[in-house]
Amino acid sequence: MATNRSRRLRKKLCVDEFQELGCELNLEFKEDLSEEAIDAFLDAFLKEGMEANGLGYVGGDDYGLICSIKRGSVSEEQRAKVEAWLKARSELTSVEVSPLLDVWYPEKPINQA
């Protein structure tokens, strides 16, 4: 594929200066948690952990992708806030938040700006 792309095409493809960053999330719940407790946790996570930080979540109960609600990237500060919020929760036995990665092309390295 051509690497000499117009600005419009780079923006449409989310590459180069339009690269968008996010992170992967893996959670493990305590074994004795009820479905209602997991649902309550997920509601709080989406409201307090994601929306309060301008982020969105795509995935299931225990694995997913954190990205920006608007076009753009998750900052390292936002990633750290979400990780701290999750680690403070008693419902979880394990929390893994990946380093920032390209959400459209995860195999590509992050652009250094």
Protein backbone atom coordinates (compact mmCIF):
# COMPACT_ATOMS: atom_id res chain seq x y z
CA MET A 1 0.00 0.00 0.00
CA ALA A 2 1.22 3.49 -0.77
CA THR A 3 2.90 5.38 2.04
CA ASN A 4 2.65 8.81 0.41
CA ARG A 5 -0.94 9.56 1.40
CA SER A 6 -2.88 12.81 1.42
CA ARG A 7 -3.74 14.40 4.76
CA ARG A 8 -7.42 13.54 4.19
CA LEU A 9 -6.63 9.86 3.64
CA ARG A 10 -4.25 9.71 6.64
CA LYS A 11 -7.05 11.12 8.81
CA LYS A 12 -9.60 8.65 7.41
CA LEU A 13 -7.23 5.72 8.02
CA CYS A 14 -6.19 6.98 11.49
CA VAL A 15 -2.48 6.78 10.67
CA ASP A 16 0.60 8.96 11.14
CA GLU A 17 -0.37 12.19 12.94
CA PHE A 18 -3.96 10.88 13.29
CA GLN A 19 -3.00 7.68 15.12
CA GLU A 20 -5.41 6.92 17.98
CA LEU A 21 -4.19 5.28 21.18
CA GLY A 22 -6.02 3.17 23.73
CA CYS A 23 -5.33 0.18 25.96
CA GLU A 24 -6.54 -3.33 26.58
CA LEU A 25 -8.11 -4.36 29.86
CA ASN A 26 -8.26 -7.78 31.56
CA LEU A 27 -10.24 -8.25 34.77
CA GLU A 28 -10.75 -11.19 37.11
CA PHE A 29 -13.70 -11.10 39.50
CA LYS A 30 -13.88 -12.80 42.88
CA GLU A 31 -15.42 -16.24 42.47
CA ASP A 32 -18.23 -15.70 44.98
CA LEU A 33 -19.62 -12.55 43.31
CA SER A 34 -23.25 -12.68 42.22
CA GLU A 35 -24.42 -11.56 38.78
CA GLU A 36 -26.06 -8.54 40.42
CA ALA A 37 -22.77 -7.51 42.03
CA ILE A 38 -20.94 -7.83 38.71
CA ASP A 39 -23.64 -5.76 36.97
CA ALA A 40 -23.41 -3.08 39.69
CA PHE A 41 -19.61 -3.03 39.32
CA LEU A 42 -19.87 -2.67 35.52
CA ASP A 43 -22.39 0.18 35.85
CA ALA A 44 -20.06 2.00 38.26
CA PHE A 45 -17.05 1.27 36.03
CA LEU A 46 -18.73 2.74 32.96
CA LYS A 47 -19.95 5.82 34.82
CA GLU A 48 -17.10 6.56 37.25
CA GLY A 49 -14.12 4.97 35.52
CA MET A 50 -14.89 5.61 31.87
CA GLU A 51 -17.37 8.46 31.30
CA ALA A 52 -15.90 10.61 34.11
CA ASN A 53 -12.54 10.46 32.32
CA GLY A 54 -13.90 11.03 28.79
CA LEU A 55 -13.33 7.41 27.81
CA GLY A 56 -15.30 4.62 26.22
CA TYR A 57 -15.18 0.87 26.72
CA VAL A 58 -15.73 -1.84 24.14
CA GLY A 59 -15.78 -5.44 25.27
CA GLY A 60 -17.24 -7.86 27.76
CA ASP A 61 -17.33 -8.30 31.52
CA ASP A 62 -13.70 -9.32 31.85
CA TYR A 63 -11.87 -8.20 28.69
CA GLY A 64 -12.09 -5.15 26.48
CA LEU A 65 -10.56 -2.06 24.94
CA ILE A 66 -10.45 1.42 26.45
CA CYS A 67 -10.55 4.27 23.94
CA SER A 68 -11.47 7.93 23.80
CA ILE A 69 -15.17 8.81 23.51
CA LYS A 70 -14.32 11.43 20.90
CA ARG A 71 -11.90 11.06 18.05
CA GLY A 72 -8.42 11.04 19.54
CA SER A 73 -6.25 9.16 21.98
CA VAL A 74 -6.27 8.03 25.57
CA SER A 75 -3.56 9.86 27.51
CA GLU A 76 -1.17 8.14 29.89
CA GLU A 77 -2.82 10.14 32.71
CA GLN A 78 -6.29 8.80 31.79
CA ARG A 79 -4.92 5.26 31.60
CA ALA A 80 -3.36 5.62 35.06
CA LYS A 81 -6.62 7.01 36.54
CA VAL A 82 -8.62 4.04 35.23
CA GLU A 83 -6.02 1.58 36.50
CA ALA A 84 -6.03 3.20 39.96
CA TRP A 85 -9.85 3.19 40.06
CA LEU A 86 -9.94 -0.51 39.16
CA LYS A 87 -7.24 -1.51 41.65
CA ALA A 88 -9.18 0.19 44.44
CA ARG A 89 -12.23 -2.02 43.82
CA SER A 90 -12.84 -4.97 46.14
CA GLU A 91 -14.79 -6.97 43.53
CA LEU A 92 -11.64 -7.77 41.54
CA THR A 93 -8.82 -10.21 42.22
CA SER A 94 -6.71 -9.17 39.22
CA VAL A 95 -6.47 -6.08 37.00
CA GLU A 96 -4.27 -5.81 33.90
CA VAL A 97 -4.22 -2.57 31.91
CA SER A 98 -1.90 -2.74 28.90
CA PRO A 99 0.45 0.05 27.90
CA LEU A 100 -0.98 2.43 25.31
CA LEU A 101 -1.31 0.93 21.83
CA ASP A 102 -2.66 1.88 18.42
CA VAL A 103 -6.37 0.97 18.61
CA TRP A 104 -6.80 0.66 14.84
CA TYR A 105 -3.56 -1.16 14.05
CA PRO A 106 -2.33 -2.80 17.29
CA GLU A 107 0.68 -4.39 15.59
CA LYS A 108 2.10 -0.97 14.58
CA PRO A 109 4.36 0.96 16.95
CA ILE A 110 3.18 4.16 18.59
CA ASN A 111 4.24 7.36 16.80
CA GLN A 112 6.69 9.42 18.78
CA ALA A 113 5.52 13.04 18.57
